[in-house]
């Protein structure tokens, strides 16, 4: 029996990596554990607080270059050279949109930032999905900090609006961003 509906997809008691329906990928296993529980986003700005299932930050802000998970909830993962990965961050804000094409995700290692373009998709009023796909080139350091947003103040005017909320975070293999599900180890425990 397979289960998806907001949980990991499990077939015969084992998590699967991907599920297709009518030739389209509809599920990708979340490789990032702990994204279904409290985490803190911030960096050089006030850190978020956990509220109603979101990492919540009160606006307005005068500046915000980078927004990333803060310790102890940093999301570090060992990536494999030549493998394509997709990071997705769901968020909400009522800040004024400036230029959504300015958003970036940095794939950060001990050697520094590796900024990659991110696509921002508007899902509804004040609701967005930020997606970055990258084939990992392999580096001296392959332990990568994920969900590090760059260019947020270029994409949105964070001096306007009243809030910024981060919902679910997802890392999956491949180039398709599928709906959020917890990592299998989070869903099956």
N, C-alpha and C. Protein backbone atom coordinates (compact mmCIF):
# COMPACT_ATOMS: atom_id res chain seq x y z
N UNK A 1 0.84 -1.18 0.00
CA UNK A 1 0.00 0.00 0.00
C UNK A 1 0.89 1.24 0.00
N UNK A 2 0.57 2.23 -0.82
CA UNK A 2 1.36 3.46 -0.81
C UNK A 2 0.57 4.58 -0.15
N UNK A 3 1.31 5.45 0.53
CA UNK A 3 0.72 6.57 1.27
C UNK A 3 1.45 7.83 0.83
N UNK A 4 0.71 8.87 0.41
CA UNK A 4 1.35 10.16 0.15
C UNK A 4 0.66 11.19 1.04
N UNK A 5 -0.41 11.83 0.59
CA UNK A 5 -1.23 12.76 1.37
C UNK A 5 -0.53 13.45 2.53
N UNK A 6 0.52 14.24 2.26
CA UNK A 6 1.19 14.98 3.31
C UNK A 6 2.20 14.18 4.09
N UNK A 7 2.37 12.93 3.75
CA UNK A 7 3.33 12.06 4.43
C UNK A 7 4.32 11.54 3.40
N UNK A 8 5.30 10.81 3.87
CA UNK A 8 6.24 10.17 2.95
C UNK A 8 5.50 9.09 2.17
N UNK A 9 5.93 8.84 0.95
CA UNK A 9 5.35 7.76 0.18
C UNK A 9 6.07 6.47 0.55
N UNK A 10 5.29 5.51 1.01
CA UNK A 10 5.84 4.25 1.47
C UNK A 10 5.14 3.12 0.70
N UNK A 11 5.93 2.24 0.11
CA UNK A 11 5.40 1.09 -0.60
C UNK A 11 6.00 -0.15 0.03
N UNK A 12 5.15 -1.06 0.46
CA UNK A 12 5.57 -2.29 1.13
C UNK A 12 6.52 -2.00 2.29
N UNK A 13 6.21 -0.93 3.05
CA UNK A 13 6.98 -0.60 4.25
C UNK A 13 8.28 0.14 4.01
N UNK A 14 8.59 0.47 2.73
CA UNK A 14 9.85 1.17 2.43
C UNK A 14 9.57 2.48 1.71
N UNK A 15 10.26 3.58 2.12
CA UNK A 15 10.07 4.86 1.42
C UNK A 15 10.57 4.77 -0.01
N UNK A 16 9.84 5.40 -0.93
CA UNK A 16 10.27 5.46 -2.33
C UNK A 16 10.76 6.87 -2.62
N UNK A 17 11.58 7.01 -3.67
CA UNK A 17 12.15 8.31 -4.02
C UNK A 17 11.21 9.19 -4.82
N UNK A 18 10.49 8.61 -5.78
CA UNK A 18 9.64 9.39 -6.67
C UNK A 18 8.39 8.59 -7.02
N UNK A 19 7.30 9.32 -7.30
CA UNK A 19 6.06 8.71 -7.78
C UNK A 19 5.60 9.52 -8.98
N UNK A 20 5.17 8.80 -10.02
CA UNK A 20 4.69 9.43 -11.24
C UNK A 20 3.22 9.07 -11.45
N UNK A 21 2.48 10.00 -12.03
CA UNK A 21 1.09 9.77 -12.40
C UNK A 21 0.89 10.37 -13.78
N UNK A 22 0.38 9.58 -14.71
CA UNK A 22 0.18 10.04 -16.09
C UNK A 22 1.43 10.68 -16.66
N UNK A 23 2.59 10.13 -16.37
CA UNK A 23 3.86 10.60 -16.92
C UNK A 23 4.46 11.80 -16.22
N UNK A 24 3.79 12.35 -15.19
CA UNK A 24 4.31 13.50 -14.46
C UNK A 24 4.70 13.09 -13.04
N UNK A 25 5.81 13.65 -12.59
CA UNK A 25 6.24 13.38 -11.22
C UNK A 25 5.32 14.13 -10.26
N UNK A 26 4.72 13.41 -9.32
CA UNK A 26 3.79 14.01 -8.36
C UNK A 26 4.32 13.93 -6.93
N UNK A 27 5.41 13.21 -6.74
CA UNK A 27 6.01 13.08 -5.41
C UNK A 27 7.50 12.89 -5.55
N UNK A 28 8.25 13.56 -4.67
CA UNK A 28 9.68 13.35 -4.54
C UNK A 28 10.00 13.27 -3.06
N UNK A 29 10.81 12.31 -2.69
CA UNK A 29 11.15 12.13 -1.28
C UNK A 29 11.90 13.35 -0.75
N UNK A 30 11.45 13.87 0.41
CA UNK A 30 12.13 14.99 1.05
C UNK A 30 13.38 14.45 1.75
N UNK A 31 14.54 14.90 1.31
CA UNK A 31 15.81 14.45 1.90
C UNK A 31 16.18 15.25 3.14
N UNK A 32 15.46 16.35 3.40
CA UNK A 32 15.76 17.22 4.54
C UNK A 32 14.88 16.84 5.72
N UNK A 33 15.48 16.25 6.72
CA UNK A 33 14.71 15.87 7.90
C UNK A 33 14.53 17.07 8.82
N UNK A 34 13.49 17.03 9.62
CA UNK A 34 13.23 18.08 10.60
C UNK A 34 12.49 19.28 10.05
N UNK A 35 11.99 19.20 8.83
CA UNK A 35 11.29 20.36 8.26
C UNK A 35 9.83 20.41 8.66
N UNK A 36 9.37 19.42 9.41
CA UNK A 36 7.99 19.40 9.88
C UNK A 36 7.88 19.87 11.33
N UNK A 37 8.96 20.44 11.84
CA UNK A 37 8.97 20.88 13.23
C UNK A 37 9.59 22.27 13.32
N UNK A 38 9.66 22.81 14.51
CA UNK A 38 10.16 24.17 14.71
C UNK A 38 11.59 24.35 14.20
N UNK A 39 11.78 25.44 13.47
CA UNK A 39 13.11 25.87 13.04
C UNK A 39 13.13 27.39 13.04
N UNK A 40 14.30 27.97 13.02
CA UNK A 40 14.46 29.42 13.11
C UNK A 40 15.19 29.92 11.86
N UNK A 41 14.65 30.98 11.24
CA UNK A 41 15.30 31.62 10.10
C UNK A 41 15.77 33.00 10.54
N UNK A 42 16.87 33.49 9.96
CA UNK A 42 17.36 34.81 10.30
C UNK A 42 18.74 35.03 9.72
N UNK A 43 19.46 36.02 10.20
CA UNK A 43 20.86 36.33 9.92
C UNK A 43 20.98 37.83 9.70
N UNK A 44 21.51 38.50 10.68
CA UNK A 44 21.67 39.94 10.58
C UNK A 44 20.37 40.71 10.66
N UNK A 45 19.29 39.99 10.91
CA UNK A 45 17.96 40.57 11.11
C UNK A 45 17.42 39.90 12.37
N UNK A 46 16.31 40.37 12.91
CA UNK A 46 15.74 39.60 14.02
C UNK A 46 15.44 38.18 13.56
N UNK A 47 15.71 37.21 14.39
CA UNK A 47 15.39 35.82 14.06
C UNK A 47 13.88 35.61 14.13
N UNK A 48 13.41 34.66 13.36
CA UNK A 48 12.00 34.32 13.39
C UNK A 48 11.65 33.66 14.72
N UNK A 49 10.36 33.68 15.03
CA UNK A 49 9.82 32.91 16.14
C UNK A 49 8.88 31.89 15.53
N UNK A 50 8.64 30.80 16.23
CA UNK A 50 7.76 29.76 15.72
C UNK A 50 6.34 30.08 16.14
N UNK A 51 5.44 30.19 15.15
CA UNK A 51 4.07 30.57 15.44
C UNK A 51 3.14 29.87 14.46
N UNK A 52 2.20 29.10 14.99
CA UNK A 52 1.19 28.41 14.16
C UNK A 52 1.79 27.58 13.03
N UNK A 53 2.90 26.91 13.30
CA UNK A 53 3.51 26.04 12.29
C UNK A 53 4.37 26.75 11.28
N UNK A 54 4.72 28.01 11.53
CA UNK A 54 5.57 28.78 10.63
C UNK A 54 6.71 29.43 11.40
N UNK A 55 7.83 29.62 10.70
CA UNK A 55 8.89 30.48 11.21
C UNK A 55 8.46 31.89 10.83
N UNK A 56 8.09 32.70 11.82
CA UNK A 56 7.41 33.97 11.61
C UNK A 56 8.31 35.13 11.96
N UNK A 57 8.33 36.17 11.11
CA UNK A 57 9.10 37.38 11.34
C UNK A 57 8.20 38.58 11.11
N UNK A 58 8.21 39.48 12.07
CA UNK A 58 7.41 40.70 11.95
C UNK A 58 8.16 41.69 11.04
N UNK A 59 7.43 42.27 10.09
CA UNK A 59 7.96 43.33 9.23
C UNK A 59 7.40 44.65 9.75
N UNK A 60 7.99 45.77 9.37
CA UNK A 60 9.00 46.00 8.34
C UNK A 60 10.42 45.79 8.85
N UNK A 61 11.32 45.54 7.89
CA UNK A 61 12.76 45.45 8.15
C UNK A 61 13.44 46.52 7.32
N UNK A 62 14.51 47.06 7.83
CA UNK A 62 15.27 48.04 7.07
C UNK A 62 16.21 47.38 6.08
N UNK A 63 16.63 46.15 6.38
CA UNK A 63 17.53 45.44 5.49
C UNK A 63 17.39 43.94 5.71
N UNK A 64 17.61 43.20 4.69
CA UNK A 64 17.65 41.74 4.79
C UNK A 64 18.31 41.23 3.52
N UNK A 65 19.58 40.90 3.61
CA UNK A 65 20.27 40.35 2.45
C UNK A 65 20.05 38.87 2.36
N UNK A 66 20.50 38.18 3.38
CA UNK A 66 20.43 36.73 3.45
C UNK A 66 19.48 36.33 4.56
N UNK A 67 18.68 35.30 4.33
CA UNK A 67 17.84 34.73 5.37
C UNK A 67 18.09 33.23 5.32
N UNK A 68 18.50 32.67 6.45
CA UNK A 68 18.88 31.26 6.47
C UNK A 68 18.54 30.61 7.80
N UNK A 69 18.44 29.28 7.81
CA UNK A 69 18.18 28.59 9.06
C UNK A 69 19.30 28.85 10.06
N UNK A 70 18.92 29.05 11.31
CA UNK A 70 19.87 29.33 12.38
C UNK A 70 20.09 28.08 13.23
N UNK A 71 21.28 27.98 13.82
CA UNK A 71 21.57 26.86 14.72
C UNK A 71 20.62 26.91 15.90
N UNK A 72 20.23 25.80 16.46
CA UNK A 72 20.69 24.45 16.13
C UNK A 72 19.92 23.81 14.99
N UNK A 73 19.10 24.57 14.28
CA UNK A 73 18.25 24.01 13.24
C UNK A 73 18.80 24.18 11.84
N UNK A 74 20.09 24.41 11.70
CA UNK A 74 20.67 24.50 10.36
C UNK A 74 20.50 23.17 9.65
N UNK A 75 20.29 23.25 8.38
CA UNK A 75 20.09 22.05 7.58
C UNK A 75 21.32 21.82 6.72
N UNK A 76 22.22 20.94 7.16
CA UNK A 76 23.44 20.59 6.44
C UNK A 76 23.28 19.18 5.87
N UNK A 77 23.63 19.01 4.60
CA UNK A 77 23.52 17.70 3.97
C UNK A 77 24.73 17.44 3.08
N UNK A 78 25.17 16.21 3.05
CA UNK A 78 26.26 15.79 2.19
C UNK A 78 25.68 15.51 0.81
N UNK A 79 26.07 16.31 -0.17
CA UNK A 79 25.57 16.15 -1.53
C UNK A 79 26.57 15.38 -2.37
N UNK A 80 26.07 14.74 -3.41
CA UNK A 80 26.88 13.89 -4.27
C UNK A 80 27.17 14.58 -5.59
N UNK A 81 28.44 14.60 -5.97
CA UNK A 81 28.87 15.21 -7.23
C UNK A 81 28.10 14.62 -8.39
N UNK A 82 27.62 15.51 -9.29
CA UNK A 82 26.92 15.09 -10.49
C UNK A 82 25.44 14.82 -10.29
N UNK A 83 24.95 14.93 -9.07
CA UNK A 83 23.53 14.69 -8.78
C UNK A 83 22.78 16.02 -8.82
N UNK A 84 21.61 16.02 -9.47
CA UNK A 84 20.76 17.20 -9.52
C UNK A 84 19.83 17.19 -8.32
N UNK A 85 19.77 18.34 -7.63
CA UNK A 85 18.91 18.50 -6.46
C UNK A 85 18.02 19.71 -6.66
N UNK A 86 16.88 19.70 -6.01
CA UNK A 86 15.97 20.85 -6.00
C UNK A 86 15.63 21.19 -4.56
N UNK A 87 15.86 22.47 -4.21
CA UNK A 87 15.44 23.01 -2.91
C UNK A 87 14.16 23.80 -3.13
N UNK A 88 13.18 23.63 -2.24
CA UNK A 88 11.95 24.40 -2.31
C UNK A 88 11.64 24.95 -0.93
N UNK A 89 11.27 26.22 -0.91
CA UNK A 89 10.89 26.90 0.33
C UNK A 89 9.53 27.55 0.09
N UNK A 90 8.54 27.18 0.90
CA UNK A 90 7.23 27.80 0.82
C UNK A 90 7.21 28.94 1.84
N UNK A 91 6.72 30.12 1.42
CA UNK A 91 6.67 31.24 2.35
C UNK A 91 5.50 32.16 2.03
N UNK A 92 5.19 33.01 2.99
CA UNK A 92 4.13 33.99 2.84
C UNK A 92 4.64 35.34 3.30
N UNK A 93 4.21 36.39 2.62
CA UNK A 93 4.51 37.76 3.03
C UNK A 93 3.53 38.71 2.37
N UNK A 94 3.26 39.82 3.08
CA UNK A 94 2.46 40.87 2.48
C UNK A 94 3.33 42.06 2.09
N UNK A 95 4.64 41.84 2.04
CA UNK A 95 5.57 42.87 1.57
C UNK A 95 5.34 43.13 0.08
N UNK A 96 5.66 44.32 -0.35
CA UNK A 96 5.52 44.70 -1.75
C UNK A 96 6.54 43.94 -2.62
N UNK A 97 6.06 43.37 -3.72
CA UNK A 97 6.94 42.68 -4.66
C UNK A 97 7.74 43.73 -5.44
N UNK A 98 9.06 43.51 -5.53
CA UNK A 98 9.92 44.38 -6.33
C UNK A 98 10.27 43.69 -7.64
N UNK A 99 11.02 42.60 -7.57
CA UNK A 99 11.45 41.88 -8.76
C UNK A 99 11.73 40.43 -8.35
N UNK A 100 10.77 39.54 -8.60
CA UNK A 100 10.89 38.15 -8.16
C UNK A 100 12.07 37.43 -8.81
N UNK A 101 12.54 37.91 -9.95
CA UNK A 101 13.67 37.26 -10.61
C UNK A 101 14.99 37.49 -9.87
N UNK A 102 15.00 38.37 -8.87
CA UNK A 102 16.21 38.65 -8.10
C UNK A 102 16.48 37.63 -6.99
N UNK A 103 15.52 36.78 -6.69
CA UNK A 103 15.69 35.81 -5.61
C UNK A 103 16.75 34.79 -5.97
N UNK A 104 17.50 34.37 -4.97
CA UNK A 104 18.56 33.37 -5.15
C UNK A 104 18.54 32.40 -3.98
N UNK A 105 19.11 31.25 -4.21
CA UNK A 105 19.40 30.28 -3.15
C UNK A 105 20.90 30.08 -3.18
N UNK A 106 21.52 30.09 -2.00
CA UNK A 106 22.94 29.77 -1.97
C UNK A 106 23.11 28.36 -1.43
N UNK A 107 23.90 27.61 -2.13
CA UNK A 107 24.28 26.26 -1.72
C UNK A 107 25.61 26.46 -1.01
N UNK A 108 25.57 26.65 0.31
CA UNK A 108 26.71 27.13 1.10
C UNK A 108 27.54 25.97 1.66
N UNK A 109 28.86 26.06 1.48
CA UNK A 109 29.79 25.08 2.04
C UNK A 109 30.84 25.81 2.86
N UNK A 110 31.74 25.06 3.46
CA UNK A 110 32.86 25.65 4.19
C UNK A 110 33.74 26.50 3.29
N UNK A 111 33.63 26.32 1.97
CA UNK A 111 34.40 27.12 1.02
C UNK A 111 33.69 28.41 0.65
N UNK A 112 32.44 28.59 1.11
CA UNK A 112 31.71 29.82 0.83
C UNK A 112 30.39 29.58 0.13
N UNK A 113 29.84 30.67 -0.38
CA UNK A 113 28.53 30.65 -1.03
C UNK A 113 28.63 30.24 -2.49
N UNK A 114 27.62 29.53 -2.95
CA UNK A 114 27.47 29.18 -4.35
C UNK A 114 26.05 29.60 -4.73
N UNK A 115 25.89 30.89 -5.06
CA UNK A 115 24.57 31.43 -5.37
C UNK A 115 24.06 30.89 -6.69
N UNK A 116 22.81 30.47 -6.67
CA UNK A 116 22.13 29.97 -7.86
C UNK A 116 20.79 30.68 -7.99
N UNK A 117 20.33 30.90 -9.21
CA UNK A 117 19.03 31.55 -9.37
C UNK A 117 17.92 30.71 -8.76
N UNK A 118 16.89 31.39 -8.33
CA UNK A 118 15.70 30.71 -7.80
C UNK A 118 14.48 31.23 -8.56
N UNK A 119 13.55 30.35 -8.78
CA UNK A 119 12.28 30.74 -9.40
C UNK A 119 11.29 30.98 -8.27
N UNK A 120 10.59 32.09 -8.32
CA UNK A 120 9.55 32.36 -7.33
C UNK A 120 8.22 32.24 -8.04
N UNK A 121 7.39 31.36 -7.52
CA UNK A 121 6.06 31.15 -8.07
C UNK A 121 5.04 31.69 -7.08
N UNK A 122 4.16 32.56 -7.56
CA UNK A 122 3.09 33.06 -6.71
C UNK A 122 2.00 32.00 -6.66
N UNK A 123 1.63 31.56 -5.46
CA UNK A 123 0.65 30.50 -5.29
C UNK A 123 -0.74 31.04 -5.00
N UNK A 124 -0.79 32.22 -4.43
CA UNK A 124 -2.06 32.85 -4.05
C UNK A 124 -1.74 34.18 -3.41
N UNK A 125 -2.74 34.81 -2.83
CA UNK A 125 -2.50 36.10 -2.20
C UNK A 125 -1.48 35.94 -1.08
N UNK A 126 -0.34 36.62 -1.21
CA UNK A 126 0.74 36.63 -0.22
C UNK A 126 1.42 35.27 -0.03
N UNK A 127 1.20 34.33 -0.92
CA UNK A 127 1.74 32.97 -0.79
C UNK A 127 2.65 32.67 -1.98
N UNK A 128 3.86 32.16 -1.69
CA UNK A 128 4.88 31.95 -2.72
C UNK A 128 5.62 30.64 -2.50
N UNK A 129 6.25 30.18 -3.58
CA UNK A 129 7.14 29.02 -3.53
C UNK A 129 8.43 29.43 -4.21
N UNK A 130 9.56 29.23 -3.53
CA UNK A 130 10.89 29.56 -4.03
C UNK A 130 11.59 28.24 -4.36
N UNK A 131 12.05 28.10 -5.60
CA UNK A 131 12.63 26.83 -6.07
C UNK A 131 13.99 27.08 -6.70
N UNK A 132 14.97 26.27 -6.33
CA UNK A 132 16.30 26.32 -6.96
C UNK A 132 16.75 24.90 -7.28
N UNK A 133 17.07 24.68 -8.55
CA UNK A 133 17.57 23.37 -9.00
C UNK A 133 19.03 23.54 -9.40
N UNK A 134 19.85 22.58 -8.98
CA UNK A 134 21.29 22.70 -9.20
C UNK A 134 21.90 21.30 -9.28
N UNK A 135 22.73 21.08 -10.29
CA UNK A 135 23.50 19.84 -10.36
C UNK A 135 24.78 20.10 -9.58
N UNK A 136 24.94 19.36 -8.48
CA UNK A 136 26.06 19.61 -7.57
C UNK A 136 27.37 19.29 -8.28
N UNK A 137 28.28 20.29 -8.38
CA UNK A 137 29.52 20.09 -9.14
C UNK A 137 30.58 19.30 -8.39
N UNK A 138 30.40 19.13 -7.09
CA UNK A 138 31.45 18.50 -6.28
C UNK A 138 32.46 19.57 -5.91
N UNK A 139 32.81 19.60 -4.66
CA UNK A 139 33.71 20.63 -4.14
C UNK A 139 34.64 20.00 -3.12
N UNK A 140 35.57 20.80 -2.64
CA UNK A 140 36.41 20.34 -1.54
C UNK A 140 35.54 19.98 -0.34
N UNK A 141 34.50 20.79 -0.13
CA UNK A 141 33.51 20.53 0.91
C UNK A 141 32.20 20.19 0.23
N UNK A 142 31.69 19.00 0.47
CA UNK A 142 30.40 18.61 -0.10
C UNK A 142 29.29 18.60 0.95
N UNK A 143 29.63 19.02 2.18
CA UNK A 143 28.63 19.19 3.21
C UNK A 143 28.02 20.58 3.01
N UNK A 144 26.74 20.64 2.64
CA UNK A 144 26.12 21.86 2.16
C UNK A 144 25.01 22.32 3.09
N UNK A 145 25.03 23.63 3.42
CA UNK A 145 23.93 24.21 4.19
C UNK A 145 22.87 24.64 3.19
N UNK A 146 21.66 24.17 3.43
CA UNK A 146 20.55 24.41 2.51
C UNK A 146 19.59 25.47 3.03
N UNK A 147 18.67 25.87 2.16
CA UNK A 147 17.58 26.80 2.48
C UNK A 147 18.09 28.17 2.90
N UNK A 148 19.15 28.60 2.26
CA UNK A 148 19.79 29.89 2.49
C UNK A 148 19.35 30.81 1.36
N UNK A 149 18.48 31.78 1.67
CA UNK A 149 17.87 32.65 0.67
C UNK A 149 18.70 33.91 0.51
N UNK A 150 19.06 34.23 -0.71
CA UNK A 150 19.76 35.47 -1.02
C UNK A 150 18.88 36.34 -1.89
N UNK A 151 19.14 37.62 -1.88
CA UNK A 151 18.39 38.54 -2.74
C UNK A 151 16.96 38.78 -2.30
N UNK A 152 16.63 38.44 -1.06
CA UNK A 152 15.25 38.62 -0.62
C UNK A 152 14.84 40.08 -0.62
N UNK A 153 15.76 40.97 -0.25
CA UNK A 153 15.42 42.39 -0.22
C UNK A 153 15.40 43.00 -1.62
N UNK A 154 15.92 42.28 -2.61
CA UNK A 154 15.81 42.73 -4.00
C UNK A 154 14.52 42.22 -4.64
N UNK A 155 14.03 41.08 -4.15
CA UNK A 155 12.79 40.51 -4.67
C UNK A 155 11.56 41.15 -4.03
N UNK A 156 11.67 41.48 -2.73
CA UNK A 156 10.56 42.08 -1.99
C UNK A 156 11.06 43.32 -1.25
N UNK A 157 10.19 44.30 -1.09
CA UNK A 157 10.51 45.47 -0.29
C UNK A 157 10.12 45.14 1.15
N UNK A 158 11.08 44.63 1.91
CA UNK A 158 10.81 44.17 3.28
C UNK A 158 10.66 45.32 4.26
N UNK A 159 10.76 46.57 3.76
CA UNK A 159 10.44 47.71 4.62
C UNK A 159 8.94 47.98 4.59
N UNK A 160 8.22 47.22 3.75
CA UNK A 160 6.76 47.31 3.69
C UNK A 160 6.18 46.02 4.24
N UNK A 161 4.89 45.99 4.43
CA UNK A 161 4.22 44.79 4.89
C UNK A 161 4.31 44.62 6.39
N UNK A 162 3.68 43.54 6.87
CA UNK A 162 3.62 43.29 8.31
C UNK A 162 4.24 41.96 8.73
N UNK A 163 4.45 41.03 7.79
CA UNK A 163 4.96 39.73 8.20
C UNK A 163 5.69 39.02 7.06
N UNK A 164 6.53 38.06 7.47
CA UNK A 164 7.20 37.13 6.58
C UNK A 164 7.16 35.79 7.29
N UNK A 165 6.57 34.78 6.66
CA UNK A 165 6.43 33.47 7.29
C UNK A 165 7.02 32.41 6.36
N UNK A 166 7.83 31.53 6.93
CA UNK A 166 8.39 30.41 6.18
C UNK A 166 7.63 29.16 6.58
N UNK A 167 7.13 28.44 5.57
CA UNK A 167 6.38 27.22 5.83
C UNK A 167 7.28 26.02 5.79
N UNK A 168 7.08 25.19 4.83
CA UNK A 168 7.83 23.94 4.73
C UNK A 168 9.07 24.12 3.87
N UNK A 169 10.07 23.30 4.13
CA UNK A 169 11.32 23.27 3.38
C UNK A 169 11.46 21.87 2.78
N UNK A 170 11.97 21.79 1.56
CA UNK A 170 12.10 20.47 0.93
C UNK A 170 13.34 20.41 0.06
N UNK A 171 14.08 19.31 0.17
CA UNK A 171 15.19 18.99 -0.71
C UNK A 171 14.87 17.65 -1.35
N UNK A 172 14.95 17.61 -2.68
CA UNK A 172 14.69 16.34 -3.36
C UNK A 172 15.64 16.18 -4.53
N UNK A 173 15.88 14.93 -4.90
CA UNK A 173 16.71 14.65 -6.07
C UNK A 173 15.90 14.91 -7.32
N UNK A 174 16.59 15.43 -8.35
CA UNK A 174 15.95 15.69 -9.62
C UNK A 174 15.64 17.17 -9.77
N UNK A 175 14.98 17.50 -10.88
CA UNK A 175 14.75 18.89 -11.23
C UNK A 175 13.29 19.31 -11.07
N UNK A 176 12.46 18.47 -10.46
CA UNK A 176 11.05 18.78 -10.29
C UNK A 176 10.77 19.09 -8.82
N UNK A 177 10.11 20.21 -8.58
CA UNK A 177 9.69 20.58 -7.22
C UNK A 177 8.28 20.02 -7.02
N UNK A 178 8.16 19.06 -6.12
CA UNK A 178 6.86 18.45 -5.85
C UNK A 178 6.31 19.00 -4.53
N UNK A 179 5.01 18.77 -4.26
CA UNK A 179 4.43 19.28 -3.02
C UNK A 179 5.19 18.81 -1.79
N UNK A 180 5.14 19.63 -0.74
CA UNK A 180 5.87 19.33 0.48
C UNK A 180 5.35 18.06 1.15
N UNK A 181 6.27 17.26 1.58
CA UNK A 181 6.01 16.11 2.46
C UNK A 181 7.16 16.07 3.43
N UNK A 182 6.96 15.51 4.62
CA UNK A 182 8.10 15.38 5.54
C UNK A 182 9.07 14.33 5.01
N UNK A 183 10.29 14.35 5.54
CA UNK A 183 11.24 13.28 5.24
C UNK A 183 10.67 11.98 5.79
N UNK A 184 10.94 10.85 5.15
CA UNK A 184 10.39 9.59 5.63
C UNK A 184 10.68 9.33 7.12
N UNK A 185 11.90 9.66 7.57
CA UNK A 185 12.22 9.40 8.98
C UNK A 185 11.38 10.26 9.92
N UNK A 186 10.91 11.42 9.45
CA UNK A 186 10.03 12.26 10.26
C UNK A 186 8.61 11.73 10.27
N UNK A 187 8.16 11.21 9.11
CA UNK A 187 6.79 10.74 8.97
C UNK A 187 6.58 9.37 9.59
N UNK A 188 7.61 8.55 9.59
CA UNK A 188 7.45 7.17 10.04
C UNK A 188 7.76 6.97 11.51
N UNK A 189 8.25 8.01 12.17
CA UNK A 189 8.55 7.88 13.61
C UNK A 189 7.33 8.14 14.45
